[in-house]
Amino acid sequence: MIDKTYTGKVVSNKMDKTVVVAITRQFQHPVYKKTVKKVAKFKAHDENNECRVGDAVKIIETRPVSKDKRWLVLEILNKAARSSAK
């Protein structure tokens, strides 16, 4: 069985051990032939709370962890720039 894996960007990390990952895909409209962009958001399990907003991550489908979580953060591909000024 092949597991689904997606690459996306973390848009929220306010929950404990959970991040929301936005997956963006582009496709051509079948009738109008215009390029359309769709964004799907998935909740993914982040065991060590390592992900921050803006990080590019790879997620993989897994067994249900909670009511909405069916994805697991496999790896952080590149970290977002952190601002040191407050």
N, C-alpha and C. Protein backbone atom coordinates (compact mmCIF):
# COMPACT_ATOMS: atom_id res chain seq x y z
N MET A 1 0.84 -1.19 0.00
CA MET A 1 0.00 0.00 0.00
C MET A 1 0.88 1.25 0.00
N ILE A 2 0.57 2.18 -0.85
CA ILE A 2 1.33 3.42 -0.95
C ILE A 2 0.65 4.49 -0.11
N ASP A 3 1.41 5.08 0.81
CA ASP A 3 0.87 6.15 1.64
C ASP A 3 0.90 7.46 0.89
N LYS A 4 -0.08 8.32 1.16
CA LYS A 4 -0.11 9.64 0.55
C LYS A 4 0.88 10.54 1.29
N THR A 5 1.68 11.28 0.53
CA THR A 5 2.56 12.28 1.12
C THR A 5 2.36 13.58 0.38
N TYR A 6 2.34 14.67 1.11
CA TYR A 6 2.20 16.00 0.54
C TYR A 6 3.25 16.92 1.12
N THR A 7 3.56 17.96 0.37
CA THR A 7 4.46 19.00 0.84
C THR A 7 3.65 20.29 0.95
N GLY A 8 3.76 20.96 2.09
CA GLY A 8 2.99 22.18 2.30
C GLY A 8 3.66 23.11 3.28
N LYS A 9 2.94 24.17 3.61
CA LYS A 9 3.46 25.20 4.49
C LYS A 9 2.61 25.26 5.76
N VAL A 10 3.28 25.39 6.90
CA VAL A 10 2.58 25.47 8.18
C VAL A 10 1.94 26.86 8.30
N VAL A 11 0.61 26.87 8.55
CA VAL A 11 -0.10 28.14 8.69
C VAL A 11 -0.53 28.41 10.12
N SER A 12 -0.50 27.38 10.99
CA SER A 12 -0.86 27.59 12.39
C SER A 12 -0.18 26.53 13.24
N ASN A 13 0.32 26.95 14.42
CA ASN A 13 0.90 25.99 15.36
C ASN A 13 0.44 26.31 16.79
N LYS A 14 -0.76 26.84 16.93
CA LYS A 14 -1.25 27.28 18.23
C LYS A 14 -1.73 26.14 19.11
N MET A 15 -1.96 24.96 18.52
CA MET A 15 -2.42 23.82 19.30
C MET A 15 -1.21 23.02 19.81
N ASP A 16 -1.43 22.25 20.85
CA ASP A 16 -0.35 21.42 21.40
C ASP A 16 -0.20 20.16 20.54
N LYS A 17 1.02 19.93 20.03
CA LYS A 17 1.38 18.77 19.21
C LYS A 17 0.60 18.69 17.91
N THR A 18 0.04 19.80 17.45
CA THR A 18 -0.72 19.83 16.20
C THR A 18 -0.36 21.07 15.41
N VAL A 19 -0.20 20.90 14.10
CA VAL A 19 0.01 22.03 13.20
C VAL A 19 -1.00 21.93 12.07
N VAL A 20 -1.36 23.08 11.52
CA VAL A 20 -2.23 23.12 10.35
C VAL A 20 -1.34 23.40 9.14
N VAL A 21 -1.41 22.50 8.16
CA VAL A 21 -0.57 22.59 6.98
C VAL A 21 -1.45 22.89 5.77
N ALA A 22 -1.09 23.93 5.00
CA ALA A 22 -1.82 24.29 3.79
C ALA A 22 -1.12 23.68 2.59
N ILE A 23 -1.87 22.90 1.81
CA ILE A 23 -1.36 22.27 0.60
C ILE A 23 -1.98 23.02 -0.58
N THR A 24 -1.13 23.61 -1.42
CA THR A 24 -1.61 24.37 -2.57
C THR A 24 -1.39 23.56 -3.83
N ARG A 25 -2.43 23.47 -4.65
CA ARG A 25 -2.28 22.78 -5.94
C ARG A 25 -2.87 23.65 -7.04
N GLN A 26 -2.27 23.56 -8.21
CA GLN A 26 -2.74 24.32 -9.37
C GLN A 26 -3.19 23.33 -10.44
N PHE A 27 -4.28 23.68 -11.12
CA PHE A 27 -4.75 22.86 -12.22
C PHE A 27 -5.47 23.74 -13.22
N GLN A 28 -5.66 23.21 -14.40
CA GLN A 28 -6.34 23.97 -15.44
C GLN A 28 -7.82 23.64 -15.42
N HIS A 29 -8.66 24.69 -15.44
CA HIS A 29 -10.10 24.49 -15.44
C HIS A 29 -10.50 23.74 -16.70
N PRO A 30 -11.34 22.71 -16.57
CA PRO A 30 -11.65 21.88 -17.74
C PRO A 30 -12.41 22.60 -18.86
N VAL A 31 -13.21 23.61 -18.52
CA VAL A 31 -13.98 24.31 -19.54
C VAL A 31 -13.31 25.61 -19.96
N TYR A 32 -12.90 26.42 -18.99
CA TYR A 32 -12.40 27.76 -19.28
C TYR A 32 -10.89 27.82 -19.50
N LYS A 33 -10.20 26.73 -19.22
CA LYS A 33 -8.75 26.63 -19.46
C LYS A 33 -7.91 27.63 -18.68
N LYS A 34 -8.48 28.18 -17.63
CA LYS A 34 -7.73 29.10 -16.78
C LYS A 34 -7.06 28.31 -15.66
N THR A 35 -5.87 28.74 -15.27
CA THR A 35 -5.18 28.09 -14.17
C THR A 35 -5.83 28.49 -12.86
N VAL A 36 -6.24 27.47 -12.09
CA VAL A 36 -6.94 27.68 -10.83
C VAL A 36 -6.06 27.18 -9.71
N LYS A 37 -6.04 27.92 -8.60
CA LYS A 37 -5.26 27.53 -7.43
C LYS A 37 -6.23 27.13 -6.31
N LYS A 38 -6.04 25.93 -5.75
CA LYS A 38 -6.86 25.47 -4.64
C LYS A 38 -5.97 25.21 -3.45
N VAL A 39 -6.45 25.56 -2.27
CA VAL A 39 -5.71 25.34 -1.04
C VAL A 39 -6.52 24.42 -0.14
N ALA A 40 -5.89 23.34 0.31
CA ALA A 40 -6.51 22.43 1.26
C ALA A 40 -5.70 22.49 2.55
N LYS A 41 -6.40 22.51 3.69
CA LYS A 41 -5.73 22.57 4.99
C LYS A 41 -5.91 21.25 5.72
N PHE A 42 -4.80 20.73 6.23
CA PHE A 42 -4.82 19.48 6.98
C PHE A 42 -4.21 19.70 8.36
N LYS A 43 -4.79 19.04 9.37
CA LYS A 43 -4.17 19.05 10.70
C LYS A 43 -3.23 17.87 10.78
N ALA A 44 -1.99 18.14 11.20
CA ALA A 44 -0.97 17.10 11.26
C ALA A 44 -0.38 17.03 12.66
N HIS A 45 0.01 15.83 13.05
CA HIS A 45 0.58 15.59 14.37
C HIS A 45 2.06 15.96 14.36
N ASP A 46 2.46 16.81 15.30
CA ASP A 46 3.85 17.25 15.46
C ASP A 46 4.25 16.92 16.90
N GLU A 47 4.82 15.76 17.10
CA GLU A 47 5.06 15.23 18.45
C GLU A 47 5.88 16.15 19.33
N ASN A 48 6.94 16.76 18.81
CA ASN A 48 7.86 17.55 19.63
C ASN A 48 7.64 19.06 19.52
N ASN A 49 6.56 19.49 18.91
CA ASN A 49 6.25 20.92 18.72
C ASN A 49 7.42 21.66 18.08
N GLU A 50 8.01 21.09 17.04
CA GLU A 50 9.17 21.69 16.37
C GLU A 50 8.78 22.67 15.28
N CYS A 51 7.63 22.50 14.68
CA CYS A 51 7.23 23.32 13.52
C CYS A 51 6.79 24.71 13.96
N ARG A 52 7.13 25.68 13.14
CA ARG A 52 6.71 27.07 13.34
C ARG A 52 5.97 27.53 12.10
N VAL A 53 5.23 28.62 12.21
CA VAL A 53 4.47 29.16 11.08
C VAL A 53 5.45 29.56 9.98
N GLY A 54 5.16 29.12 8.77
CA GLY A 54 6.00 29.45 7.62
C GLY A 54 6.95 28.33 7.22
N ASP A 55 7.11 27.32 8.05
CA ASP A 55 8.00 26.20 7.71
C ASP A 55 7.40 25.38 6.58
N ALA A 56 8.25 24.89 5.69
CA ALA A 56 7.83 23.95 4.67
C ALA A 56 8.02 22.55 5.24
N VAL A 57 6.95 21.75 5.22
CA VAL A 57 7.01 20.42 5.82
C VAL A 57 6.47 19.37 4.85
N LYS A 58 6.85 18.13 5.11
CA LYS A 58 6.32 16.98 4.38
C LYS A 58 5.46 16.21 5.35
N ILE A 59 4.20 15.92 4.95
CA ILE A 59 3.28 15.19 5.81
C ILE A 59 2.90 13.88 5.13
N ILE A 60 2.56 12.89 5.96
CA ILE A 60 2.19 11.58 5.46
C ILE A 60 0.89 11.15 6.12
N GLU A 61 0.05 10.43 5.37
CA GLU A 61 -1.22 9.96 5.90
C GLU A 61 -0.96 8.85 6.91
N THR A 62 -1.73 8.85 7.99
CA THR A 62 -1.56 7.86 9.05
C THR A 62 -2.93 7.52 9.64
N ARG A 63 -2.91 6.66 10.63
CA ARG A 63 -4.16 6.30 11.31
C ARG A 63 -4.73 7.54 12.02
N PRO A 64 -6.03 7.58 12.29
CA PRO A 64 -6.59 8.72 13.00
C PRO A 64 -5.97 8.89 14.39
N VAL A 65 -5.45 10.09 14.65
CA VAL A 65 -4.85 10.40 15.94
C VAL A 65 -5.90 11.05 16.84
N SER A 66 -6.78 11.83 16.24
CA SER A 66 -7.88 12.46 16.98
C SER A 66 -9.04 12.64 16.00
N LYS A 67 -10.01 13.45 16.37
CA LYS A 67 -11.19 13.64 15.54
C LYS A 67 -10.82 14.17 14.15
N ASP A 68 -9.91 15.14 14.08
CA ASP A 68 -9.57 15.78 12.81
C ASP A 68 -8.18 15.43 12.29
N LYS A 69 -7.33 14.86 13.12
CA LYS A 69 -5.93 14.60 12.72
C LYS A 69 -5.78 13.23 12.10
N ARG A 70 -5.38 13.22 10.80
CA ARG A 70 -5.09 11.97 10.11
C ARG A 70 -3.75 12.05 9.39
N TRP A 71 -2.93 13.03 9.75
CA TRP A 71 -1.65 13.25 9.08
C TRP A 71 -0.55 13.37 10.12
N LEU A 72 0.69 13.06 9.72
CA LEU A 72 1.85 13.11 10.59
C LEU A 72 2.95 13.90 9.90
N VAL A 73 3.59 14.80 10.63
CA VAL A 73 4.71 15.56 10.07
C VAL A 73 5.89 14.61 9.94
N LEU A 74 6.30 14.36 8.70
CA LEU A 74 7.40 13.44 8.43
C LEU A 74 8.74 14.12 8.60
N GLU A 75 8.88 15.32 8.02
CA GLU A 75 10.13 16.07 8.17
C GLU A 75 9.88 17.54 7.88
N ILE A 76 10.76 18.38 8.42
CA ILE A 76 10.73 19.81 8.14
C ILE A 76 11.72 20.04 7.01
N LEU A 77 11.24 20.50 5.86
CA LEU A 77 12.10 20.66 4.69
C LEU A 77 12.98 21.90 4.81
N ASN A 78 12.38 23.05 5.10
CA ASN A 78 13.18 24.24 5.40
C ASN A 78 12.40 25.14 6.34
N LYS A 79 13.15 25.71 7.27
CA LYS A 79 12.54 26.53 8.30
C LYS A 79 12.34 27.96 7.80
N ALA A 80 11.29 28.59 8.28
CA ALA A 80 11.02 29.98 7.93
C ALA A 80 11.97 30.89 8.66
N ALA A 81 12.20 32.07 8.10
CA ALA A 81 13.09 33.05 8.74
C ALA A 81 12.42 33.54 10.02
N ARG A 82 13.19 33.58 11.07
CA ARG A 82 12.69 34.04 12.37
C ARG A 82 13.07 35.51 12.55
N SER A 83 12.12 36.27 13.05
CA SER A 83 12.45 37.67 13.34
C SER A 83 12.85 37.78 14.80
N SER A 84 14.00 38.42 15.05
CA SER A 84 14.51 38.54 16.42
C SER A 84 14.00 39.80 17.12
N ALA A 85 13.54 40.79 16.34
CA ALA A 85 13.06 42.05 16.94
C ALA A 85 11.63 41.87 17.41
N LYS A 86 11.33 42.41 18.61
CA LYS A 86 9.97 42.32 19.13
C LYS A 86 9.40 43.69 19.36
